[in-house]
Amino acid sequence: MLVEATRSPEERCLINRIVLVEAAWVLGRGYGYSRAQVAGILEGILRTEVFAVENAAEAWIALKDYRIGGADFADCLLGRTNRSLGAEKTASFDRRASALDGFVAV
């Protein structure tokens, strides 16, 4: 496995949040996984101790948003990231995303 082959036992592998977004997209759109399956896999990544997920606290909240809403994980993570940076609202052309708390439709 790539993770085992590229790290020593004491190292953690960085999972960039863009990788989480790509994983959610590929699993859902590319492989046809359900929202629940994608959410379960993302949760597994976030819980795995050998992974250091960038901005993990935001990713956890975005995962919660993803589970309860109709928006893509990317939109959920984007909104939570923007909030952490001080933005009250995130503008979106996506109707599903603009229905999320903290979003506004444009």
PDB file of N, CA and C in Angstrom:
ATOM      1  N   MET A   1       0.838  -1.176   0.000  1.00  0.00           N
ATOM      2  CA  MET A   1       0.000   0.000   0.000  1.00  0.00           C
ATOM      3  C   MET A   1       0.886   1.244   0.000  1.00  0.00           C
ATOM      4  N   LEU A   2       0.474   2.278  -0.658  1.00  0.00           N
ATOM      5  CA  LEU A   2       1.260   3.501  -0.802  1.00  0.00           C
ATOM      6  C   LEU A   2       1.648   4.085   0.553  1.00  0.00           C
ATOM      7  N   VAL A   3       0.708   4.169   1.465  1.00  0.00           N
ATOM      8  CA  VAL A   3       0.983   4.773   2.780  1.00  0.00           C
ATOM      9  C   VAL A   3       2.074   4.002   3.504  1.00  0.00           C
ATOM     10  N   GLU A   4       1.964   2.690   3.521  1.00  0.00           N
ATOM     11  CA  GLU A   4       2.961   1.868   4.202  1.00  0.00           C
ATOM     12  C   GLU A   4       4.325   1.943   3.534  1.00  0.00           C
ATOM     13  N   ALA A   5       4.353   2.074   2.220  1.00  0.00           N
ATOM     14  CA  ALA A   5       5.601   2.078   1.469  1.00  0.00           C
ATOM     15  C   ALA A   5       6.334   3.409   1.543  1.00  0.00           C
ATOM     16  N   THR A   6       5.651   4.498   1.876  1.00  0.00           N
ATOM     17  CA  THR A   6       6.281   5.812   1.802  1.00  0.00           C
ATOM     18  C   THR A   6       6.528   6.468   3.145  1.00  0.00           C
ATOM     19  N   ARG A   7       6.228   5.805   4.224  1.00  0.00           N
ATOM     20  CA  ARG A   7       6.443   6.420   5.530  1.00  0.00           C
ATOM     21  C   ARG A   7       7.061   5.418   6.492  1.00  0.00           C
ATOM     22  N   SER A   8       7.738   5.957   7.495  1.00  0.00           N
ATOM     23  CA  SER A   8       8.245   5.096   8.553  1.00  0.00           C
ATOM     24  C   SER A   8       7.131   4.941   9.587  1.00  0.00           C
ATOM     25  N   PRO A   9       7.223   3.947  10.461  1.00  0.00           N
ATOM     26  CA  PRO A   9       6.143   3.706  11.425  1.00  0.00           C
ATOM     27  C   PRO A   9       5.816   4.900  12.325  1.00  0.00           C
ATOM     28  N   GLU A  10       6.780   5.763  12.573  1.00  0.00           N
ATOM     29  CA  GLU A  10       6.513   6.902  13.463  1.00  0.00           C
ATOM     30  C   GLU A  10       6.031   8.159  12.737  1.00  0.00           C
ATOM     31  N   GLU A  11       5.995   8.128  11.433  1.00  0.00           N
ATOM     32  CA  GLU A  11       5.546   9.286  10.649  1.00  0.00           C
ATOM     33  C   GLU A  11       4.045   9.225  10.378  1.00  0.00           C
ATOM     34  N   ARG A  12       3.438  10.408  10.272  1.00  0.00           N
ATOM     35  CA  ARG A  12       2.046  10.509   9.851  1.00  0.00           C
ATOM     36  C   ARG A  12       2.027  11.030   8.416  1.00  0.00           C
ATOM     37  N   CYS A  13       1.048  10.623   7.663  1.00  0.00           N
ATOM     38  CA  CYS A  13       0.892  11.072   6.278  1.00  0.00           C
ATOM     39  C   CYS A  13      -0.071  12.249   6.240  1.00  0.00           C
ATOM     40  N   LEU A  14       0.345  13.318   5.595  1.00  0.00           N
ATOM     41  CA  LEU A  14      -0.507  14.491   5.457  1.00  0.00           C
ATOM     42  C   LEU A  14      -1.564  14.246   4.394  1.00  0.00           C
ATOM     43  N   ILE A  15      -2.800  14.487   4.769  1.00  0.00           N
ATOM     44  CA  ILE A  15      -3.911  14.441   3.824  1.00  0.00           C
ATOM     45  C   ILE A  15      -4.402  15.878   3.682  1.00  0.00           C
ATOM     46  N   ASN A  16      -4.087  16.485   2.550  1.00  0.00           N
ATOM     47  CA  ASN A  16      -4.503  17.850   2.266  1.00  0.00           C
ATOM     48  C   ASN A  16      -6.017  17.873   2.068  1.00  0.00           C
ATOM     49  N   ARG A  17      -6.667  18.968   2.450  1.00  0.00           N
ATOM     50  CA  ARG A  17      -8.125  19.021   2.332  1.00  0.00           C
ATOM     51  C   ARG A  17      -8.586  18.922   0.884  1.00  0.00           C
ATOM     52  N   ILE A  18      -7.746  19.329  -0.065  1.00  0.00           N
ATOM     53  CA  ILE A  18      -8.098  19.155  -1.475  1.00  0.00           C
ATOM     54  C   ILE A  18      -8.198  17.661  -1.802  1.00  0.00           C
ATOM     55  N   VAL A  19      -7.368  16.863  -1.172  1.00  0.00           N
ATOM     56  CA  VAL A  19      -7.428  15.417  -1.372  1.00  0.00           C
ATOM     57  C   VAL A  19      -8.760  14.874  -0.850  1.00  0.00           C
ATOM     58  N   LEU A  20      -9.233  15.388   0.276  1.00  0.00           N
ATOM     59  CA  LEU A  20     -10.542  14.964   0.790  1.00  0.00           C
ATOM     60  C   LEU A  20     -11.646  15.302  -0.206  1.00  0.00           C
ATOM     61  N   VAL A  21     -11.584  16.501  -0.756  1.00  0.00           N
ATOM     62  CA  VAL A  21     -12.574  16.936  -1.741  1.00  0.00           C
ATOM     63  C   VAL A  21     -12.534  16.020  -2.968  1.00  0.00           C
ATOM     64  N   GLU A  22     -11.343  15.751  -3.469  1.00  0.00           N
ATOM     65  CA  GLU A  22     -11.191  14.876  -4.632  1.00  0.00           C
ATOM     66  C   GLU A  22     -11.688  13.465  -4.329  1.00  0.00           C
ATOM     67  N   ALA A  23     -11.367  12.970  -3.148  1.00  0.00           N
ATOM     68  CA  ALA A  23     -11.813  11.627  -2.767  1.00  0.00           C
ATOM     69  C   ALA A  23     -13.336  11.560  -2.756  1.00  0.00           C
ATOM     70  N   ALA A  24     -13.975  12.557  -2.165  1.00  0.00           N
ATOM     71  CA  ALA A  24     -15.438  12.577  -2.126  1.00  0.00           C
ATOM     72  C   ALA A  24     -16.021  12.635  -3.532  1.00  0.00           C
ATOM     73  N   TRP A  25     -15.439  13.448  -4.387  1.00  0.00           N
ATOM     74  CA  TRP A  25     -15.950  13.598  -5.749  1.00  0.00           C
ATOM     75  C   TRP A  25     -15.784  12.305  -6.545  1.00  0.00           C
ATOM     76  N   VAL A  26     -14.593  11.730  -6.497  1.00  0.00           N
ATOM     77  CA  VAL A  26     -14.324  10.508  -7.266  1.00  0.00           C
ATOM     78  C   VAL A  26     -15.185   9.351  -6.761  1.00  0.00           C
ATOM     79  N   LEU A  27     -15.302   9.223  -5.456  1.00  0.00           N
ATOM     80  CA  LEU A  27     -16.110   8.126  -4.913  1.00  0.00           C
ATOM     81  C   LEU A  27     -17.577   8.270  -5.295  1.00  0.00           C
ATOM     82  N   GLY A  28     -18.099   9.500  -5.190  1.00  0.00           N
ATOM     83  CA  GLY A  28     -19.506   9.719  -5.481  1.00  0.00           C
ATOM     84  C   GLY A  28     -19.829   9.724  -6.962  1.00  0.00           C
ATOM     85  N   ARG A  29     -19.099  10.521  -7.703  1.00  0.00           N
ATOM     86  CA  ARG A  29     -19.423  10.677  -9.133  1.00  0.00           C
ATOM     87  C   ARG A  29     -18.748   9.622  -9.998  1.00  0.00           C
ATOM     88  N   GLY A  30     -17.520   9.299  -9.656  1.00  0.00           N
ATOM     89  CA  GLY A  30     -16.783   8.343 -10.478  1.00  0.00           C
ATOM     90  C   GLY A  30     -17.181   6.894 -10.233  1.00  0.00           C
ATOM     91  N   TYR A  31     -17.349   6.541  -8.963  1.00  0.00           N
ATOM     92  CA  TYR A  31     -17.641   5.163  -8.618  1.00  0.00           C
ATOM     93  C   TYR A  31     -19.088   4.931  -8.194  1.00  0.00           C
ATOM     94  N   GLY A  32     -19.878   5.993  -8.108  1.00  0.00           N
ATOM     95  CA  GLY A  32     -21.294   5.845  -7.788  1.00  0.00           C
ATOM     96  C   GLY A  32     -21.603   5.500  -6.345  1.00  0.00           C
ATOM     97  N   TYR A  33     -20.680   5.800  -5.433  1.00  0.00           N
ATOM     98  CA  TYR A  33     -20.944   5.543  -4.018  1.00  0.00           C
ATOM     99  C   TYR A  33     -22.048   6.489  -3.542  1.00  0.00           C
ATOM    100  N   SER A  34     -22.831   6.026  -2.601  1.00  0.00           N
ATOM    101  CA  SER A  34     -23.883   6.854  -2.014  1.00  0.00           C
ATOM    102  C   SER A  34     -23.267   7.910  -1.104  1.00  0.00           C
ATOM    103  N   ARG A  35     -24.059   8.919  -0.780  1.00  0.00           N
ATOM    104  CA  ARG A  35     -23.622   9.968   0.150  1.00  0.00           C
ATOM    105  C   ARG A  35     -23.195   9.344   1.480  1.00  0.00           C
ATOM    106  N   ALA A  36     -23.955   8.392   1.969  1.00  0.00           N
ATOM    107  CA  ALA A  36     -23.620   7.735   3.244  1.00  0.00           C
ATOM    108  C   ALA A  36     -22.298   6.984   3.146  1.00  0.00           C
ATOM    109  N   GLN A  37     -22.058   6.315   2.024  1.00  0.00           N
ATOM    110  CA  GLN A  37     -20.795   5.599   1.847  1.00  0.00           C
ATOM    111  C   GLN A  37     -19.618   6.570   1.781  1.00  0.00           C
ATOM    112  N   VAL A  38     -19.778   7.655   1.031  1.00  0.00           N
ATOM    113  CA  VAL A  38     -18.714   8.662   0.931  1.00  0.00           C
ATOM    114  C   VAL A  38     -18.434   9.250   2.306  1.00  0.00           C
ATOM    115  N   ALA A  39     -19.482   9.591   3.034  1.00  0.00           N
ATOM    116  CA  ALA A  39     -19.312  10.154   4.374  1.00  0.00           C
ATOM    117  C   ALA A  39     -18.586   9.173   5.291  1.00  0.00           C
ATOM    118  N   GLY A  40     -18.911   7.907   5.197  1.00  0.00           N
ATOM    119  CA  GLY A  40     -18.237   6.895   6.014  1.00  0.00           C
ATOM    120  C   GLY A  40     -16.759   6.780   5.705  1.00  0.00           C
ATOM    121  N   ILE A  41     -16.420   6.846   4.428  1.00  0.00           N
ATOM    122  CA  ILE A  41     -15.009   6.779   4.035  1.00  0.00           C
ATOM    123  C   ILE A  41     -14.265   8.021   4.514  1.00  0.00           C
ATOM    124  N   LEU A  42     -14.864   9.201   4.342  1.00  0.00           N
ATOM    125  CA  LEU A  42     -14.226  10.429   4.830  1.00  0.00           C
ATOM    126  C   LEU A  42     -14.024  10.369   6.336  1.00  0.00           C
ATOM    127  N   GLU A  43     -15.014   9.868   7.044  1.00  0.00           N
ATOM    128  CA  GLU A  43     -14.876   9.735   8.496  1.00  0.00           C
ATOM    129  C   GLU A  43     -13.732   8.790   8.836  1.00  0.00           C
ATOM    130  N   GLY A  44     -13.623   7.702   8.091  1.00  0.00           N
ATOM    131  CA  GLY A  44     -12.525   6.763   8.320  1.00  0.00           C
ATOM    132  C   GLY A  44     -11.169   7.423   8.136  1.00  0.00           C
ATOM    133  N   ILE A  45     -11.052   8.252   7.106  1.00  0.00           N
ATOM    134  CA  ILE A  45      -9.799   8.981   6.881  1.00  0.00           C
ATOM    135  C   ILE A  45      -9.515   9.916   8.046  1.00  0.00           C
ATOM    136  N   LEU A  46     -10.541  10.637   8.477  1.00  0.00           N
ATOM    137  CA  LEU A  46     -10.349  11.584   9.585  1.00  0.00           C
ATOM    138  C   LEU A  46      -9.993  10.879  10.893  1.00  0.00           C
ATOM    139  N   ARG A  47     -10.478   9.674  11.078  1.00  0.00           N
ATOM    140  CA  ARG A  47     -10.211   8.931  12.316  1.00  0.00           C
ATOM    141  C   ARG A  47      -8.895   8.153  12.305  1.00  0.00           C
ATOM    142  N   THR A  48      -8.335   7.914  11.137  1.00  0.00           N
ATOM    143  CA  THR A  48      -7.131   7.090  11.034  1.00  0.00           C
ATOM    144  C   THR A  48      -5.925   7.833  11.595  1.00  0.00           C
ATOM    145  N   GLU A  49      -5.293   7.240  12.573  1.00  0.00           N
ATOM    146  CA  GLU A  49      -4.200   7.904  13.294  1.00  0.00           C
ATOM    147  C   GLU A  49      -2.963   8.162  12.456  1.00  0.00           C
ATOM    148  N   VAL A  50      -2.739   7.382  11.421  1.00  0.00           N
ATOM    149  CA  VAL A  50      -1.543   7.613  10.608  1.00  0.00           C
ATOM    150  C   VAL A  50      -1.720   8.794   9.659  1.00  0.00           C
ATOM    151  N   PHE A  51      -2.925   9.316   9.569  1.00  0.00           N
ATOM    152  CA  PHE A  51      -3.183  10.466   8.712  1.00  0.00           C
ATOM    153  C   PHE A  51      -3.260  11.743   9.536  1.00  0.00           C
ATOM    154  N   ALA A  52      -2.589  12.766   9.071  1.00  0.00           N
ATOM    155  CA  ALA A  52      -2.710  14.113   9.631  1.00  0.00           C
ATOM    156  C   ALA A  52      -3.490  14.913   8.594  1.00  0.00           C
ATOM    157  N   VAL A  53      -4.761  15.151   8.864  1.00  0.00           N
ATOM    158  CA  VAL A  53      -5.622  15.837   7.909  1.00  0.00           C
ATOM    159  C   VAL A  53      -5.507  17.342   8.125  1.00  0.00           C
ATOM    160  N   GLU A  54      -5.239  18.051   7.033  1.00  0.00           N
ATOM    161  CA  GLU A  54      -5.149  19.510   7.096  1.00  0.00           C
ATOM    162  C   GLU A  54      -6.472  20.078   7.592  1.00  0.00           C
ATOM    163  N   ASN A  55      -6.401  20.974   8.567  1.00  0.00           N
ATOM    164  CA  ASN A  55      -7.585  21.610   9.129  1.00  0.00           C
ATOM    165  C   ASN A  55      -8.657  20.581   9.480  1.00  0.00           C
ATOM    166  N   ALA A  56      -8.259  19.588  10.245  1.00  0.00           N
ATOM    167  CA  ALA A  56      -9.161  18.477  10.565  1.00  0.00           C
ATOM    168  C   ALA A  56     -10.435  18.941  11.269  1.00  0.00           C
ATOM    169  N   ALA A  57     -10.347  19.935  12.130  1.00  0.00           N
ATOM    170  CA  ALA A  57     -11.542  20.409  12.839  1.00  0.00           C
ATOM    171  C   ALA A  57     -12.583  20.930  11.849  1.00  0.00           C
ATOM    172  N   GLU A  58     -12.143  21.683  10.858  1.00  0.00           N
ATOM    173  CA  GLU A  58     -13.064  22.186   9.832  1.00  0.00           C
ATOM    174  C   GLU A  58     -13.611  21.036   8.999  1.00  0.00           C
ATOM    175  N   ALA A  59     -12.772  20.066   8.695  1.00  0.00           N
ATOM    176  CA  ALA A  59     -13.212  18.921   7.895  1.00  0.00           C
ATOM    177  C   ALA A  59     -14.285  18.124   8.630  1.00  0.00           C
ATOM    178  N   TRP A  60     -14.139  17.974   9.950  1.00  0.00           N
ATOM    179  CA  TRP A  60     -15.158  17.264  10.734  1.00  0.00           C
ATOM    180  C   TRP A  60     -16.502  17.988  10.673  1.00  0.00           C
ATOM    181  N   ILE A  61     -16.487  19.299  10.829  1.00  0.00           N
ATOM    182  CA  ILE A  61     -17.737  20.062  10.775  1.00  0.00           C
ATOM    183  C   ILE A  61     -18.330  20.013   9.374  1.00  0.00           C
ATOM    184  N   ALA A  62     -17.478  20.112   8.360  1.00  0.00           N
ATOM    185  CA  ALA A  62     -17.943  20.017   6.972  1.00  0.00           C
ATOM    186  C   ALA A  62     -18.561  18.643   6.712  1.00  0.00           C
ATOM    187  N   LEU A  63     -17.983  17.612   7.288  1.00  0.00           N
ATOM    188  CA  LEU A  63     -18.530  16.268   7.130  1.00  0.00           C
ATOM    189  C   LEU A  63     -19.932  16.189   7.733  1.00  0.00           C
ATOM    190  N   LYS A  64     -20.113  16.807   8.885  1.00  0.00           N
ATOM    191  CA  LYS A  64     -21.439  16.857   9.509  1.00  0.00           C
ATOM    192  C   LYS A  64     -22.422  17.582   8.585  1.00  0.00           C
ATOM    193  N   ASP A  65     -22.003  18.717   8.038  1.00  0.00           N
ATOM    194  CA  ASP A  65     -22.848  19.467   7.096  1.00  0.00           C
ATOM    195  C   ASP A  65     -23.198  18.600   5.888  1.00  0.00           C
ATOM    196  N   TYR A  66     -22.223  17.897   5.371  1.00  0.00           N
ATOM    197  CA  TYR A  66     -22.409  17.035   4.196  1.00  0.00           C
ATOM    198  C   TYR A  66     -23.429  15.942   4.476  1.00  0.00           C
ATOM    199  N   ARG A  67     -23.357  15.373   5.660  1.00  0.00           N
ATOM    200  CA  ARG A  67     -24.275  14.289   6.016  1.00  0.00           C
ATOM    201  C   ARG A  67     -25.722  14.768   6.099  1.00  0.00           C
ATOM    202  N   ILE A  68     -25.950  15.992   6.533  1.00  0.00           N
ATOM    203  CA  ILE A  68     -27.326  16.452   6.737  1.00  0.00           C
ATOM    204  C   ILE A  68     -27.878  17.279   5.586  1.00  0.00           C
ATOM    205  N   GLY A  69     -27.016  17.729   4.682  1.00  0.00           N
ATOM    206  CA  GLY A  69     -27.473  18.607   3.606  1.00  0.00           C
ATOM    207  C   GLY A  69     -27.374  17.971   2.247  1.00  0.00           C
ATOM    208  N   GLY A  70     -27.782  18.710   1.250  1.00  0.00           N
ATOM    209  CA  GLY A  70     -27.738  18.210  -0.109  1.00  0.00           C
ATOM    210  C   GLY A  70     -26.528  18.678  -0.895  1.00  0.00           C
ATOM    211  N   ALA A  71     -25.711  19.518  -0.288  1.00  0.00           N
ATOM    212  CA  ALA A  71     -24.556  20.091  -0.982  1.00  0.00           C
ATOM    213  C   ALA A  71     -23.404  19.093  -1.057  1.00  0.00           C
ATOM    214  N   ASP A  72     -22.523  19.324  -2.008  1.00  0.00           N
ATOM    215  CA  ASP A  72     -21.314  18.517  -2.135  1.00  0.00           C
ATOM    216  C   ASP A  72     -20.393  18.762  -0.941  1.00  0.00           C
ATOM    217  N   PHE A  73     -19.529  17.770  -0.678  1.00  0.00           N
ATOM    218  CA  PHE A  73     -18.562  17.931   0.406  1.00  0.00           C
ATOM    219  C   PHE A  73     -17.667  19.135   0.160  1.00  0.00           C
ATOM    220  N   ALA A  74     -17.313  19.381  -1.095  1.00  0.00           N
ATOM    221  CA  ALA A  74     -16.451  20.526  -1.427  1.00  0.00           C
ATOM    222  C   ALA A  74     -17.078  21.829  -0.961  1.00  0.00           C
ATOM    223  N   ASP A  75     -18.372  22.004  -1.220  1.00  0.00           N
ATOM    224  CA  ASP A  75     -19.055  23.225  -0.787  1.00  0.00           C
ATOM    225  C   ASP A  75     -19.104  23.324   0.730  1.00  0.00           C
ATOM    226  N   CYS A  76     -19.368  22.212   1.381  1.00  0.00           N
ATOM    227  CA  CYS A  76     -19.416  22.199   2.846  1.00  0.00           C
ATOM    228  C   CYS A  76     -18.068  22.603   3.439  1.00  0.00           C
ATOM    229  N   LEU A  77     -16.997  22.057   2.896  1.00  0.00           N
ATOM    230  CA  LEU A  77     -15.664  22.376   3.398  1.00  0.00           C
ATOM    231  C   LEU A  77     -15.286  23.815   3.082  1.00  0.00           C
ATOM    232  N   LEU A  78     -15.645  24.273   1.900  1.00  0.00           N
ATOM    233  CA  LEU A  78     -15.369  25.652   1.527  1.00  0.00           C
ATOM    234  C   LEU A  78     -16.062  26.623   2.478  1.00  0.00           C
ATOM    235  N   GLY A  79     -17.325  26.372   2.766  1.00  0.00           N
ATOM    236  CA  GLY A  79     -18.065  27.242   3.691  1.00  0.00           C
ATOM    237  C   GLY A  79     -17.455  27.256   5.076  1.00  0.00           C
ATOM    238  N   ARG A  80     -17.074  26.095   5.569  1.00  0.00           N
ATOM    239  CA  ARG A  80     -16.478  26.026   6.916  1.00  0.00           C
ATOM    240  C   ARG A  80     -15.096  26.677   6.940  1.00  0.00           C
ATOM    241  N   THR A  81     -14.342  26.533   5.876  1.00  0.00           N
ATOM    242  CA  THR A  81     -13.035  27.187   5.797  1.00  0.00           C
ATOM    243  C   THR A  81     -13.207  28.698   5.795  1.00  0.00           C
ATOM    244  N   ASN A  82     -14.127  29.186   4.986  1.00  0.00           N
ATOM    245  CA  ASN A  82     -14.371  30.630   4.931  1.00  0.00           C
ATOM    246  C   ASN A  82     -14.806  31.178   6.284  1.00  0.00           C
ATOM    247  N   ARG A  83     -15.658  30.445   6.983  1.00  0.00           N
ATOM    248  CA  ARG A  83     -16.070  30.879   8.329  1.00  0.00           C
ATOM    249  C   ARG A  83     -14.880  30.981   9.272  1.00  0.00           C
ATOM    250  N   SER A  84     -13.985  29.997   9.197  1.00  0.00           N
ATOM    251  CA  SER A  84     -12.823  30.013  10.091  1.00  0.00           C
ATOM    252  C   SER A  84     -11.906  31.194   9.789  1.00  0.00           C
ATOM    253  N   LEU A  85     -12.007  31.712   8.570  1.00  0.00           N
ATOM    254  CA  LEU A  85     -11.205  32.874   8.170  1.00  0.00           C
ATOM    255  C   LEU A  85     -11.930  34.193   8.416  1.00  0.00           C
ATOM    256  N   GLY A  86     -13.125  34.128   8.999  1.00  0.00           N
ATOM    257  CA  GLY A  86     -13.845  35.329   9.391  1.00  0.00           C
ATOM    258  C   GLY A  86     -14.980  35.758   8.485  1.00  0.00           C
ATOM    259  N   ALA A  87     -15.242  35.011   7.421  1.00  0.00           N
ATOM    260  CA  ALA A  87     -16.345  35.374   6.527  1.00  0.00           C
ATOM    261  C   ALA A  87     -17.674  34.967   7.144  1.00  0.00           C
ATOM    262  N   GLU A  88     -18.618  35.878   7.139  1.00  0.00           N
ATOM    263  CA  GLU A  88     -19.947  35.558   7.655  1.00  0.00           C
ATOM    264  C   GLU A  88     -20.733  34.713   6.660  1.00  0.00           C
ATOM    265  N   LYS A  89     -20.567  34.998   5.374  1.00  0.00           N
ATOM    266  CA  LYS A  89     -21.300  34.292   4.324  1.00  0.00           C
ATOM    267  C   LYS A  89     -20.355  33.900   3.194  1.00  0.00           C
ATOM    268  N   THR A  90     -20.698  32.811   2.522  1.00  0.00           N
ATOM    269  CA  THR A  90     -20.005  32.379   1.324  1.00  0.00           C
ATOM    270  C   THR A  90     -21.008  32.458   0.179  1.00  0.00           C
ATOM    271  N   ALA A  91     -20.674  33.182  -0.857  1.00  0.00           N
ATOM    272  CA  ALA A  91     -21.550  33.305  -2.018  1.00  0.00           C
ATOM    273  C   ALA A  91     -21.368  32.087  -2.917  1.00  0.00           C
ATOM    274  N   SER A  92     -22.487  31.611  -3.468  1.00  0.00           N
ATOM    275  CA  SER A  92     -22.422  30.432  -4.329  1.00  0.00           C
ATOM    276  C   SER A  92     -23.480  30.506  -5.423  1.00  0.00           C
ATOM    277  N   PHE A  93     -23.128  29.997  -6.599  1.00  0.00           N
ATOM    278  CA  PHE A  93     -24.076  29.839  -7.692  1.00  0.00           C
ATOM    279  C   PHE A  93     -24.858  28.532  -7.536  1.00  0.00           C
ATOM    280  N   ASP A  94     -24.373  27.646  -6.699  1.00  0.00           N
ATOM    281  CA  ASP A  94     -24.973  26.327  -6.496  1.00  0.00           C
ATOM    282  C   ASP A  94     -26.174  26.445  -5.554  1.00  0.00           C
ATOM    283  N   ARG A  95     -27.362  26.086  -6.031  1.00  0.00           N
ATOM    284  CA  ARG A  95     -28.571  26.203  -5.199  1.00  0.00           C
ATOM    285  C   ARG A  95     -28.503  25.337  -3.953  1.00  0.00           C
ATOM    286  N   ARG A  96     -27.956  24.136  -4.089  1.00  0.00           N
ATOM    287  CA  ARG A  96     -27.860  23.251  -2.921  1.00  0.00           C
ATOM    288  C   ARG A  96     -26.906  23.825  -1.885  1.00  0.00           C
ATOM    289  N   ALA A  97     -25.802  24.374  -2.331  1.00  0.00           N
ATOM    290  CA  ALA A  97     -24.840  24.969  -1.388  1.00  0.00           C
ATOM    291  C   ALA A  97     -25.419  26.231  -0.757  1.00  0.00           C
ATOM    292  N   SER A  98     -26.109  27.039  -1.551  1.00  0.00           N
ATOM    293  CA  SER A  98     -26.636  28.296  -1.008  1.00  0.00           C
ATOM    294  C   SER A  98     -27.733  28.067   0.025  1.00  0.00           C
ATOM    295  N   ALA A  99     -28.245  26.843   0.122  1.00  0.00           N
ATOM    296  CA  ALA A  99     -29.232  26.522   1.154  1.00  0.00           C
ATOM    297  C   ALA A  99     -28.561  26.219   2.498  1.00  0.00           C
ATOM    298  N   LEU A 100     -27.258  26.030   2.502  1.00  0.00           N
ATOM    299  CA  LEU A 100     -26.531  25.742   3.742  1.00  0.00           C
ATOM    300  C   LEU A 100     -26.431  26.990   4.607  1.00  0.00           C
ATOM    301  N   ASP A 101     -26.376  26.780   5.894  1.00  0.00           N
ATOM    302  CA  ASP A 101     -26.140  27.881   6.819  1.00  0.00           C
ATOM    303  C   ASP A 101     -24.782  28.509   6.503  1.00  0.00           C
ATOM    304  N   GLY A 102     -24.746  29.820   6.418  1.00  0.00           N
ATOM    305  CA  GLY A 102     -23.493  30.506   6.129  1.00  0.00           C
ATOM    306  C   GLY A 102     -23.257  30.755   4.654  1.00  0.00           C
ATOM    307  N   PHE A 103     -24.213  30.407   3.806  1.00  0.00           N
ATOM    308  CA  PHE A 103     -24.105  30.629   2.372  1.00  0.00           C
ATOM    309  C   PHE A 103     -25.165  31.619   1.918  1.00  0.00           C
ATOM    310  N   VAL A 104     -24.926  32.245   0.790  1.00  0.00           N
ATOM    311  CA  VAL A 104     -25.896  33.124   0.152  1.00  0.00           C
ATOM    312  C   VAL A 104     -25.853  32.861  -1.348  1.00  0.00           C
ATOM    313  N   ALA A 105     -27.029  32.847  -1.951  1.00  0.00           N
ATOM    314  CA  ALA A 105     -27.114  32.601  -3.399  1.00  0.00           C
ATOM    315  C   ALA A 105     -26.770  33.874  -4.169  1.00  0.00           C
ATOM    316  N   VAL A 106     -26.092  33.707  -5.297  1.00  0.00           N
ATOM    317  CA  VAL A 106     -25.816  34.828  -6.189  1.00  0.00           C
ATOM    318  C   VAL A 106     -26.444  34.580  -7.537  1.00  0.00           C
TER     319      VAL A 106
END
